[in-house]
PDB file of N, CA and C in Angstrom:
ATOM      1  N   MET A   1       2.312  25.817   0.350  1.00  0.00           N
ATOM      2  CA  MET A   1       3.041  24.614   0.751  1.00  0.00           C
ATOM      3  C   MET A   1       4.825  24.207   0.377  1.00  0.00           C
ATOM      4  N   ASN A   2       5.068  23.906   1.277  1.00  0.00           N
ATOM      5  CA  ASN A   2       6.986  23.799   0.935  1.00  0.00           C
ATOM      6  C   ASN A   2       6.687  21.354   1.097  1.00  0.00           C
ATOM      7  N   LYS A   3       8.064  22.033   0.516  1.00  0.00           N
ATOM      8  CA  LYS A   3       7.670  20.279   0.295  1.00  0.00           C
ATOM      9  C   LYS A   3       7.847  19.013   1.222  1.00  0.00           C
ATOM     10  N   LYS A   4       8.231  19.741   2.905  1.00  0.00           N
ATOM     11  CA  LYS A   4       7.707  18.997   3.792  1.00  0.00           C
ATOM     12  C   LYS A   4       6.212  18.042   4.537  1.00  0.00           C
ATOM     13  N   LEU A   5       5.433  19.207   4.148  1.00  0.00           N
ATOM     14  CA  LEU A   5       3.767  19.260   4.212  1.00  0.00           C
ATOM     15  C   LEU A   5       3.836  18.593   2.933  1.00  0.00           C
ATOM     16  N   ASN A   6       4.073  19.153   2.034  1.00  0.00           N
ATOM     17  CA  ASN A   6       3.371  18.273   0.672  1.00  0.00           C
ATOM     18  C   ASN A   6       3.692  16.899   0.887  1.00  0.00           C
ATOM     19  N   THR A   7       4.513  16.281   1.455  1.00  0.00           N
ATOM     20  CA  THR A   7       4.938  14.699   2.019  1.00  0.00           C
ATOM     21  C   THR A   7       4.474  14.311   2.577  1.00  0.00           C
ATOM     22  N   LEU A   8       3.973  15.132   3.755  1.00  0.00           N
ATOM     23  CA  LEU A   8       2.460  14.615   5.082  1.00  0.00           C
ATOM     24  C   LEU A   8       1.613  14.019   5.024  1.00  0.00           C
ATOM     25  N   PHE A   9       1.244  15.507   3.693  1.00  0.00           N
ATOM     26  CA  PHE A   9      -0.020  14.994   3.356  1.00  0.00           C
ATOM     27  C   PHE A   9       0.049  13.672   1.959  1.00  0.00           C
ATOM     28  N   PHE A  10       0.630  13.314   0.926  1.00  0.00           N
ATOM     29  CA  PHE A  10       0.664  12.318   0.219  1.00  0.00           C
ATOM     30  C   PHE A  10       1.034  11.396   1.672  1.00  0.00           C
ATOM     31  N   VAL A  11       2.054  11.095   2.277  1.00  0.00           N
ATOM     32  CA  VAL A  11       2.367   9.665   3.350  1.00  0.00           C
ATOM     33  C   VAL A  11       0.501   9.067   3.712  1.00  0.00           C
ATOM     34  N   LEU A  12      -0.241  10.180   3.763  1.00  0.00           N
ATOM     35  CA  LEU A  12      -1.395  10.595   4.575  1.00  0.00           C
ATOM     36  C   LEU A  12      -2.385   9.499   3.686  1.00  0.00           C
ATOM     37  N   GLY A  13      -2.545  10.530   2.897  1.00  0.00           N
ATOM     38  CA  GLY A  13      -2.938  10.683   1.499  1.00  0.00           C
ATOM     39  C   GLY A  13      -3.091   8.840   0.885  1.00  0.00           C
ATOM     40  N   ALA A  14      -1.954   8.269   1.316  1.00  0.00           N
ATOM     41  CA  ALA A  14      -0.971   6.876   0.007  1.00  0.00           C
ATOM     42  C   ALA A  14      -1.886   6.065   1.822  1.00  0.00           C
ATOM     43  N   THR A  15      -1.681   6.092   2.820  1.00  0.00           N
ATOM     44  CA  THR A  15      -2.534   5.413   3.101  1.00  0.00           C
ATOM     45  C   THR A  15      -3.778   5.185   3.323  1.00  0.00           C
ATOM     46  N   VAL A  16      -4.425   5.988   3.925  1.00  0.00           N
ATOM     47  CA  VAL A  16      -5.770   6.008   3.604  1.00  0.00           C
ATOM     48  C   VAL A  16      -5.717   4.913   2.168  1.00  0.00           C
ATOM     49  N   PHE A  17      -5.723   5.468   1.035  1.00  0.00           N
ATOM     50  CA  PHE A  17      -6.029   5.360   0.142  1.00  0.00           C
ATOM     51  C   PHE A  17      -5.834   3.454   0.187  1.00  0.00           C
ATOM     52  N   ASN A  18      -4.814   3.023   0.735  1.00  0.00           N
ATOM     53  CA  ASN A  18      -4.416   1.714   0.568  1.00  0.00           C
ATOM     54  C   ASN A  18      -5.212   1.068   1.901  1.00  0.00           C
ATOM     55  N   ILE A  19      -5.152   1.823   2.351  1.00  0.00           N
ATOM     56  CA  ILE A  19      -6.260   0.485   3.516  1.00  0.00           C
ATOM     57  C   ILE A  19      -7.922   0.570   3.437  1.00  0.00           C
ATOM     58  N   LEU A  20      -7.987   2.122   2.649  1.00  0.00           N
ATOM     59  CA  LEU A  20      -9.562   2.111   1.465  1.00  0.00           C
ATOM     60  C   LEU A  20      -9.628   1.296   0.367  1.00  0.00           C
ATOM     61  N   VAL A  21      -8.484   1.273   0.018  1.00  0.00           N
ATOM     62  CA  VAL A  21      -8.376  -0.608  -1.213  1.00  0.00           C
ATOM     63  C   VAL A  21      -8.417  -1.890  -0.649  1.00  0.00           C
ATOM     64  N   THR A  22      -7.683  -1.648   0.578  1.00  0.00           N
ATOM     65  CA  THR A  22      -7.901  -2.956   1.326  1.00  0.00           C
ATOM     66  C   THR A  22      -8.845  -3.443   1.294  1.00  0.00           C
ATOM     67  N   VAL A  23     -10.050  -2.629   2.081  1.00  0.00           N
ATOM     68  CA  VAL A  23     -10.856  -2.978   2.733  1.00  0.00           C
ATOM     69  C   VAL A  23     -12.670  -3.595   1.686  1.00  0.00           C
ATOM     70  N   VAL A  24     -12.112  -2.416   0.199  1.00  0.00           N
ATOM     71  CA  VAL A  24     -13.096  -2.338  -1.067  1.00  0.00           C
ATOM     72  C   VAL A  24     -12.307  -4.251  -1.312  1.00  0.00           C
ATOM     73  N   SER A  25     -11.044  -4.616  -1.458  1.00  0.00           N
ATOM     74  CA  SER A  25     -10.695  -5.830  -2.087  1.00  0.00           C
ATOM     75  C   SER A  25     -11.557  -7.156  -1.574  1.00  0.00           C
ATOM     76  N   PHE A  26     -11.240  -6.510  -0.301  1.00  0.00           N
ATOM     77  CA  PHE A  26     -11.802  -8.002   1.269  1.00  0.00           C
ATOM     78  C   PHE A  26     -12.960  -8.055   0.946  1.00  0.00           C
ATOM     79  N   LEU A  27     -14.028  -6.644   1.328  1.00  0.00           N
ATOM     80  CA  LEU A  27     -15.269  -6.908   0.689  1.00  0.00           C
ATOM     81  C   LEU A  27     -15.923  -7.391  -0.200  1.00  0.00           C
ATOM     82  N   LEU A  28     -14.903  -7.128  -1.800  1.00  0.00           N
ATOM     83  CA  LEU A  28     -14.886  -7.491  -2.869  1.00  0.00           C
ATOM     84  C   LEU A  28     -15.003  -9.368  -3.134  1.00  0.00           C
ATOM     85  N   LEU A  29     -13.456  -9.622  -2.713  1.00  0.00           N
ATOM     86  CA  LEU A  29     -13.556 -10.934  -2.275  1.00  0.00           C
ATOM     87  C   LEU A  29     -14.325 -12.054  -1.655  1.00  0.00           C
ATOM     88  N   SER A  30     -14.841 -11.244  -0.678  1.00  0.00           N
ATOM     89  CA  SER A  30     -15.697 -11.770   0.636  1.00  0.00           C
ATOM     90  C   SER A  30     -17.208 -12.205  -0.149  1.00  0.00           C
ATOM     91  N   SER A  31     -17.194 -11.392  -1.161  1.00  0.00           N
ATOM     92  CA  SER A  31     -19.464 -11.496  -1.246  1.00  0.00           C
ATOM     93  C   SER A  31     -19.062 -12.803  -2.330  1.00  0.00           C
ATOM     94  N   VAL A  32     -18.027 -12.480  -3.526  1.00  0.00           N
ATOM     95  CA  VAL A  32     -17.853 -13.635  -4.737  1.00  0.00           C
ATOM     96  C   VAL A  32     -17.644 -14.979  -3.655  1.00  0.00           C
ATOM     97  N   TYR A  33     -16.966 -15.153  -2.738  1.00  0.00           N
ATOM     98  CA  TYR A  33     -16.390 -16.043  -2.238  1.00  0.00           C
ATOM     99  C   TYR A  33     -17.450 -16.625  -1.119  1.00  0.00           C
ATOM    100  N   VAL A  34     -18.606 -15.919  -0.445  1.00  0.00           N
ATOM    101  CA  VAL A  34     -19.920 -16.164   0.056  1.00  0.00           C
ATOM    102  C   VAL A  34     -21.010 -16.647  -1.229  1.00  0.00           C
ATOM    103  N   TRP A  35     -20.709 -15.991  -2.179  1.00  0.00           N
ATOM    104  CA  TRP A  35     -22.003 -15.949  -3.203  1.00  0.00           C
ATOM    105  C   TRP A  35     -21.870 -17.421  -3.809  1.00  0.00           C
ATOM    106  N   LEU A  36     -20.509 -17.186  -4.437  1.00  0.00           N
ATOM    107  CA  LEU A  36     -19.679 -18.988  -5.719  1.00  0.00           C
ATOM    108  C   LEU A  36     -19.629 -19.716  -4.738  1.00  0.00           C
ATOM    109  N   LEU A  37     -18.817 -19.911  -4.411  1.00  0.00           N
ATOM    110  CA  LEU A  37     -18.241 -21.277  -2.621  1.00  0.00           C
ATOM    111  C   LEU A  37     -18.637 -21.485  -1.564  1.00  0.00           C
ATOM    112  N   VAL A  38     -19.355 -21.132  -1.243  1.00  0.00           N
ATOM    113  CA  VAL A  38     -19.438 -21.754  -0.104  1.00  0.00           C
ATOM    114  C   VAL A  38     -20.873 -22.500   0.072  1.00  0.00           C
ATOM    115  N   PRO A  39     -21.864 -22.118  -0.878  1.00  0.00           N
ATOM    116  CA  PRO A  39     -22.594 -23.257  -0.773  1.00  0.00           C
ATOM    117  C   PRO A  39     -22.467 -24.721  -1.650  1.00  0.00           C
ATOM    118  N   ARG A  40     -20.698 -24.219  -2.126  1.00  0.00           N
ATOM    119  CA  ARG A  40     -21.005 -26.350  -2.896  1.00  0.00           C
ATOM    120  C   ARG A  40     -19.593 -26.267  -1.769  1.00  0.00           C
ATOM    121  N   LEU A  41     -18.802 -25.619  -0.644  1.00  0.00           N
ATOM    122  CA  LEU A  41     -17.608 -26.019   0.336  1.00  0.00           C
ATOM    123  C   LEU A  41     -18.940 -27.079   1.073  1.00  0.00           C
ATOM    124  N   SER A  42     -17.994 -27.533   1.974  1.00  0.00           N
ATOM    125  CA  SER A  42     -18.526 -27.987   3.684  1.00  0.00           C
ATOM    126  C   SER A  42     -18.074 -27.321   4.558  1.00  0.00           C
ATOM    127  N   GLU A  43     -18.329 -27.127   5.169  1.00  0.00           N
ATOM    128  CA  GLU A  43     -18.310 -26.408   6.333  1.00  0.00           C
ATOM    129  C   GLU A  43     -17.077 -26.340   6.901  1.00  0.00           C
ATOM    130  N   GLU A  44     -16.645 -27.143   6.808  1.00  0.00           N
ATOM    131  CA  GLU A  44     -14.883 -27.074   7.946  1.00  0.00           C
ATOM    132  C   GLU A  44     -14.482 -25.955   6.714  1.00  0.00           C
ATOM    133  N   VAL A  45     -14.389 -26.900   5.046  1.00  0.00           N
ATOM    134  CA  VAL A  45     -12.856 -26.323   4.334  1.00  0.00           C
ATOM    135  C   VAL A  45     -14.057 -25.010   4.169  1.00  0.00           C
ATOM    136  N   ALA A  46     -14.949 -24.428   4.718  1.00  0.00           N
ATOM    137  CA  ALA A  46     -15.731 -23.137   4.077  1.00  0.00           C
ATOM    138  C   ALA A  46     -14.380 -22.087   4.924  1.00  0.00           C
ATOM    139  N   GLN A  47     -14.904 -22.503   6.201  1.00  0.00           N
ATOM    140  CA  GLN A  47     -14.019 -21.441   7.525  1.00  0.00           C
ATOM    141  C   GLN A  47     -12.453 -21.412   7.264  1.00  0.00           C
ATOM    142  N   MET A  48     -11.824 -21.587   6.517  1.00  0.00           N
ATOM    143  CA  MET A  48     -10.742 -21.644   6.268  1.00  0.00           C
ATOM    144  C   MET A  48     -10.502 -20.543   5.124  1.00  0.00           C
ATOM    145  N   GLY A  49     -11.744 -20.092   4.071  1.00  0.00           N
ATOM    146  CA  GLY A  49     -11.855 -19.483   3.324  1.00  0.00           C
ATOM    147  C   GLY A  49     -11.738 -17.687   3.532  1.00  0.00           C
ATOM    148  N   LEU A  50     -11.559 -17.600   5.354  1.00  0.00           N
ATOM    149  CA  LEU A  50     -11.913 -16.247   5.868  1.00  0.00           C
ATOM    150  C   LEU A  50     -10.295 -15.754   4.919  1.00  0.00           C
ATOM    151  N   PRO A  51      -9.265 -16.752   6.268  1.00  0.00           N
ATOM    152  CA  PRO A  51      -8.330 -15.522   6.282  1.00  0.00           C
ATOM    153  C   PRO A  51      -7.035 -16.113   4.798  1.00  0.00           C
ATOM    154  N   VAL A  52      -7.936 -16.766   3.600  1.00  0.00           N
ATOM    155  CA  VAL A  52      -7.253 -16.842   2.590  1.00  0.00           C
ATOM    156  C   VAL A  52      -8.014 -15.217   1.974  1.00  0.00           C
ATOM    157  N   ILE A  53      -9.331 -14.995   1.900  1.00  0.00           N
ATOM    158  CA  ILE A  53      -9.472 -13.736   1.246  1.00  0.00           C
ATOM    159  C   ILE A  53      -8.836 -12.340   1.881  1.00  0.00           C
ATOM    160  N   PHE A  54      -8.948 -12.988   3.080  1.00  0.00           N
ATOM    161  CA  PHE A  54      -7.779 -11.624   3.753  1.00  0.00           C
ATOM    162  C   PHE A  54      -6.577 -11.258   3.397  1.00  0.00           C
ATOM    163  N   ILE A  55      -5.221 -12.607   2.787  1.00  0.00           N
ATOM    164  CA  ILE A  55      -4.655 -12.164   2.545  1.00  0.00           C
ATOM    165  C   ILE A  55      -4.107 -11.810   1.650  1.00  0.00           C
ATOM    166  N   MET A  56      -5.200 -12.501   0.139  1.00  0.00           N
ATOM    167  CA  MET A  56      -5.819 -12.147  -1.359  1.00  0.00           C
ATOM    168  C   MET A  56      -5.735 -10.056  -0.650  1.00  0.00           C
ATOM    169  N   ALA A  57      -6.865 -10.219   0.015  1.00  0.00           N
ATOM    170  CA  ALA A  57      -7.153  -8.660   0.109  1.00  0.00           C
ATOM    171  C   ALA A  57      -5.556  -7.475  -0.307  1.00  0.00           C
ATOM    172  N   ILE A  58      -5.040  -8.111   0.532  1.00  0.00           N
ATOM    173  CA  ILE A  58      -3.864  -7.521   0.824  1.00  0.00           C
ATOM    174  C   ILE A  58      -3.037  -7.432   0.471  1.00  0.00           C
ATOM    175  N   VAL A  59      -2.313  -8.785  -0.691  1.00  0.00           N
ATOM    176  CA  VAL A  59      -1.612  -8.503  -1.824  1.00  0.00           C
ATOM    177  C   VAL A  59      -1.758  -8.251  -2.571  1.00  0.00           C
ATOM    178  N   ALA A  60      -3.780  -8.026  -2.825  1.00  0.00           N
ATOM    179  CA  ALA A  60      -4.184  -6.987  -4.263  1.00  0.00           C
ATOM    180  C   ALA A  60      -4.750  -5.350  -3.800  1.00  0.00           C
ATOM    181  N   SER A  61      -4.800  -5.586  -2.888  1.00  0.00           N
ATOM    182  CA  SER A  61      -3.924  -4.353  -2.624  1.00  0.00           C
ATOM    183  C   SER A  61      -2.569  -3.471  -2.697  1.00  0.00           C
ATOM    184  N   PHE A  62      -1.432  -4.006  -2.423  1.00  0.00           N
ATOM    185  CA  PHE A  62      -0.352  -4.321  -2.880  1.00  0.00           C
ATOM    186  C   PHE A  62      -0.136  -3.659  -4.754  1.00  0.00           C
ATOM    187  N   VAL A  63      -0.332  -4.733  -4.944  1.00  0.00           N
ATOM    188  CA  VAL A  63      -0.697  -4.595  -6.037  1.00  0.00           C
ATOM    189  C   VAL A  63      -1.043  -3.209  -6.584  1.00  0.00           C
ATOM    190  N   VAL A  64      -2.755  -2.322  -6.722  1.00  0.00           N
ATOM    191  CA  VAL A  64      -3.058  -1.294  -7.190  1.00  0.00           C
ATOM    192  C   VAL A  64      -2.790  -0.294  -6.198  1.00  0.00           C
ATOM    193  N   TYR A  65      -1.901  -0.713  -4.837  1.00  0.00           N
ATOM    194  CA  TYR A  65      -0.754   0.631  -4.465  1.00  0.00           C
ATOM    195  C   TYR A  65       0.829   1.240  -5.046  1.00  0.00           C
ATOM    196  N   ARG A  66       1.025  -0.071  -5.865  1.00  0.00           N
ATOM    197  CA  ARG A  66       2.171  -0.439  -7.080  1.00  0.00           C
ATOM    198  C   ARG A  66       1.469   0.481  -8.060  1.00  0.00           C
ATOM    199  N   VAL A  67       0.561   0.101  -8.872  1.00  0.00           N
ATOM    200  CA  VAL A  67       0.594   0.472 -10.341  1.00  0.00           C
ATOM    201  C   VAL A  67      -0.381   2.335 -10.312  1.00  0.00           C
ATOM    202  N   ALA A  68      -1.016   2.482  -9.047  1.00  0.00           N
ATOM    203  CA  ALA A  68      -1.203   3.659  -8.754  1.00  0.00           C
ATOM    204  C   ALA A  68      -0.115   4.336  -8.351  1.00  0.00           C
ATOM    205  N   LEU A  69       1.412   3.872  -7.636  1.00  0.00           N
ATOM    206  CA  LEU A  69       1.795   4.722  -7.064  1.00  0.00           C
ATOM    207  C   LEU A  69       3.307   4.993  -8.430  1.00  0.00           C
ATOM    208  N   ASN A  70       3.437   3.838  -9.471  1.00  0.00           N
ATOM    209  CA  ASN A  70       4.037   3.930 -10.546  1.00  0.00           C
ATOM    210  C   ASN A  70       3.185   4.781 -11.678  1.00  0.00           C
ATOM    211  N   ILE A  71       1.554   5.065 -12.086  1.00  0.00           N
ATOM    212  CA  ILE A  71       1.348   6.205 -12.482  1.00  0.00           C
ATOM    213  C   ILE A  71       1.378   7.511 -11.927  1.00  0.00           C
ATOM    214  N   LEU A  72       1.722   7.924 -10.662  1.00  0.00           N
ATOM    215  CA  LEU A  72       1.774   8.828 -10.286  1.00  0.00           C
ATOM    216  C   LEU A  72       3.497   9.327 -10.974  1.00  0.00           C
ATOM    217  N   LEU A  73       4.581   8.169 -10.489  1.00  0.00           N
ATOM    218  CA  LEU A  73       6.025   9.009 -10.689  1.00  0.00           C
ATOM    219  C   LEU A  73       5.558   8.738 -12.394  1.00  0.00           C
ATOM    220  N   LYS A  74       4.999   8.755 -12.920  1.00  0.00           N
ATOM    221  CA  LYS A  74       5.310   9.032 -14.711  1.00  0.00           C
ATOM    222  C   LYS A  74       4.491  10.289 -15.332  1.00  0.00           C
ATOM    223  N   LYS A  75       3.674  10.642 -14.597  1.00  0.00           N
ATOM    224  CA  LYS A  75       2.984  12.128 -14.269  1.00  0.00           C
ATOM    225  C   LYS A  75       4.054  13.197 -13.790  1.00  0.00           C
ATOM    226  N   ILE A  76       3.897  12.797 -12.029  1.00  0.00           N
ATOM    227  CA  ILE A  76       4.971  14.347 -11.886  1.00  0.00           C
ATOM    228  C   ILE A  76       5.980  13.764 -11.636  1.00  0.00           C
ATOM    229  N   LYS A  77       6.732  15.204 -11.182  1.00  0.00           N
ATOM    230  CA  LYS A  77       8.294  14.856 -10.501  1.00  0.00           C
ATOM    231  C   LYS A  77       8.387  14.791  -8.542  1.00  0.00           C
ATOM    232  N   PHE A  78       8.832  13.704  -8.030  1.00  0.00           N
ATOM    233  CA  PHE A  78       8.110  13.693  -6.891  1.00  0.00           C
ATOM    234  C   PHE A  78       9.780  14.209  -6.329  1.00  0.00           C
ATOM    235  N   GLU A  79      10.699  14.981  -6.890  1.00  0.00           N
ATOM    236  CA  GLU A  79      11.921  16.061  -6.557  1.00  0.00           C
ATOM    237  C   GLU A  79      11.653  17.026  -5.759  1.00  0.00           C
ATOM    238  N   ASP A  80      10.449  17.144  -7.127  1.00  0.00           N
ATOM    239  CA  ASP A  80       9.667  18.764  -7.800  1.00  0.00           C
ATOM    240  C   ASP A  80       8.965  19.507  -6.422  1.00  0.00           C
ATOM    241  N   TYR A  81       8.610  18.442  -5.727  1.00  0.00           N
ATOM    242  CA  TYR A  81       6.961  18.649  -4.597  1.00  0.00           C
ATOM    243  C   TYR A  81       7.498  18.142  -3.362  1.00  0.00           C
ATOM    244  N   PHE A  82       8.217  16.064  -2.858  1.00  0.00           N
ATOM    245  CA  PHE A  82       8.036  15.536  -2.120  1.00  0.00           C
ATOM    246  C   PHE A  82       9.244  16.203  -1.634  1.00  0.00           C
ATOM    247  N   ASP A  83      10.100  15.945  -0.496  1.00  0.00           N
ATOM    248  CA  ASP A  83      11.279  15.703   0.359  1.00  0.00           C
ATOM    249  C   ASP A  83      11.038  14.201   0.763  1.00  0.00           C
ATOM    250  N   PRO A  84      12.349  13.993   0.538  1.00  0.00           N
ATOM    251  CA  PRO A  84      13.163  12.650   0.996  1.00  0.00           C
ATOM    252  C   PRO A  84      12.400  11.748   2.573  1.00  0.00           C
ATOM    253  N   ILE A  85      11.951  10.453   2.682  1.00  0.00           N
ATOM    254  CA  ILE A  85      11.909  10.919   3.218  1.00  0.00           C
ATOM    255  C   ILE A  85      12.818   9.948   4.332  1.00  0.00           C
ATOM    256  N   LEU A  86      12.817   9.626   3.174  1.00  0.00           N
ATOM    257  CA  LEU A  86      14.766   8.333   4.060  1.00  0.00           C
ATOM    258  C   LEU A  86      16.152   9.754   3.320  1.00  0.00           C
ATOM    259  N   ARG A  87      16.723  10.103   3.695  1.00  0.00           N
ATOM    260  CA  ARG A  87      17.980  10.212   2.733  1.00  0.00           C
ATOM    261  C   ARG A  87      19.382   9.787   3.330  1.00  0.00           C
ATOM    262  N   GLY A  88      20.478   9.745   2.292  1.00  0.00           N
ATOM    263  CA  GLY A  88      21.168   8.933   2.079  1.00  0.00           C
ATOM    264  C   GLY A  88      22.218   9.238   3.343  1.00  0.00           C
ATOM    265  N   ARG A  89      22.982   8.001   3.569  1.00  0.00           N
ATOM    266  CA  ARG A  89      24.189   8.095   4.910  1.00  0.00           C
ATOM    267  C   ARG A  89      25.266   8.986   5.162  1.00  0.00           C
ATOM    268  N   ARG A  90      24.715   9.903   6.332  1.00  0.00           N
ATOM    269  CA  ARG A  90      26.116  11.278   6.004  1.00  0.00           C
ATOM    270  C   ARG A  90      27.202  10.529   5.888  1.00  0.00           C
ATOM    271  N   PRO A  91      28.356  11.526   5.688  1.00  0.00           N
ATOM    272  CA  PRO A  91      29.565  11.230   4.822  1.00  0.00           C
ATOM    273  C   PRO A  91      30.172  11.114   6.171  1.00  0.00           C
ATOM    274  N   PRO A  92      31.057   9.582   6.713  1.00  0.00           N
ATOM    275  CA  PRO A  92      32.294  10.093   7.696  1.00  0.00           C
ATOM    276  C   PRO A  92      32.672  11.610   8.099  1.00  0.00           C
ATOM    277  N   PRO A  93      32.899  11.283   9.611  1.00  0.00           N
ATOM    278  CA  PRO A  93      33.843  12.917   9.678  1.00  0.00           C
ATOM    279  C   PRO A  93      35.466  12.843   9.094  1.00  0.00           C
ATOM    280  N   LYS A  94      35.546  13.789   9.056  1.00  0.00           N
ATOM    281  CA  LYS A  94      36.887  14.169   8.610  1.00  0.00           C
ATOM    282  C   LYS A  94      37.787  13.973   9.419  1.00  0.00           C
ATOM    283  N   LYS A  95      39.158  13.266   9.231  1.00  0.00           N
ATOM    284  CA  LYS A  95      40.510  13.591  10.480  1.00  0.00           C
ATOM    285  C   LYS A  95      40.806  13.915  10.765  1.00  0.00           C
ATOM    286  N   ARG A  96      41.465  15.139  11.417  1.00  0.00           N
ATOM    287  CA  ARG A  96      41.479  16.188  11.935  1.00  0.00           C
ATOM    288  C   ARG A  96      43.615  15.874  12.202  1.00  0.00           C
ATOM    289  N   ASN A  97      44.316  16.320  11.337  1.00  0.00           N
ATOM    290  CA  ASN A  97      45.765  15.791  11.622  1.00  0.00           C
ATOM    291  C   ASN A  97      46.125  17.269  11.658  1.00  0.00           C
ATOM    292  N   ASP A  98      46.551  17.118  13.062  1.00  0.00           N
ATOM    293  CA  ASP A  98      47.285  17.821  14.153  1.00  0.00           C
ATOM    294  C   ASP A  98      48.864  17.708  13.651  1.00  0.00           C
TER     295      ASP A  98
END
């Protein structure tokens, strides 16, 4: 496999991983919220919990993704296996001296 194909598989796999972590963290946080806090809160306050849980799940998935990526960066050299997604700027064209 070449570097471009490795990069494509990495991006697809990282996206699927991030979505799964978000869904799992949302389900865990919402189940804890339902079991522990909803019986003790009024109905108006309990309704505000879903958006807060959603934002917390996104933040949790970001943290887990960054930790997993840092562990992966320590184990392998990305330059050897992956093609850079964003390249540096092109040098400006040289002026011709006629």
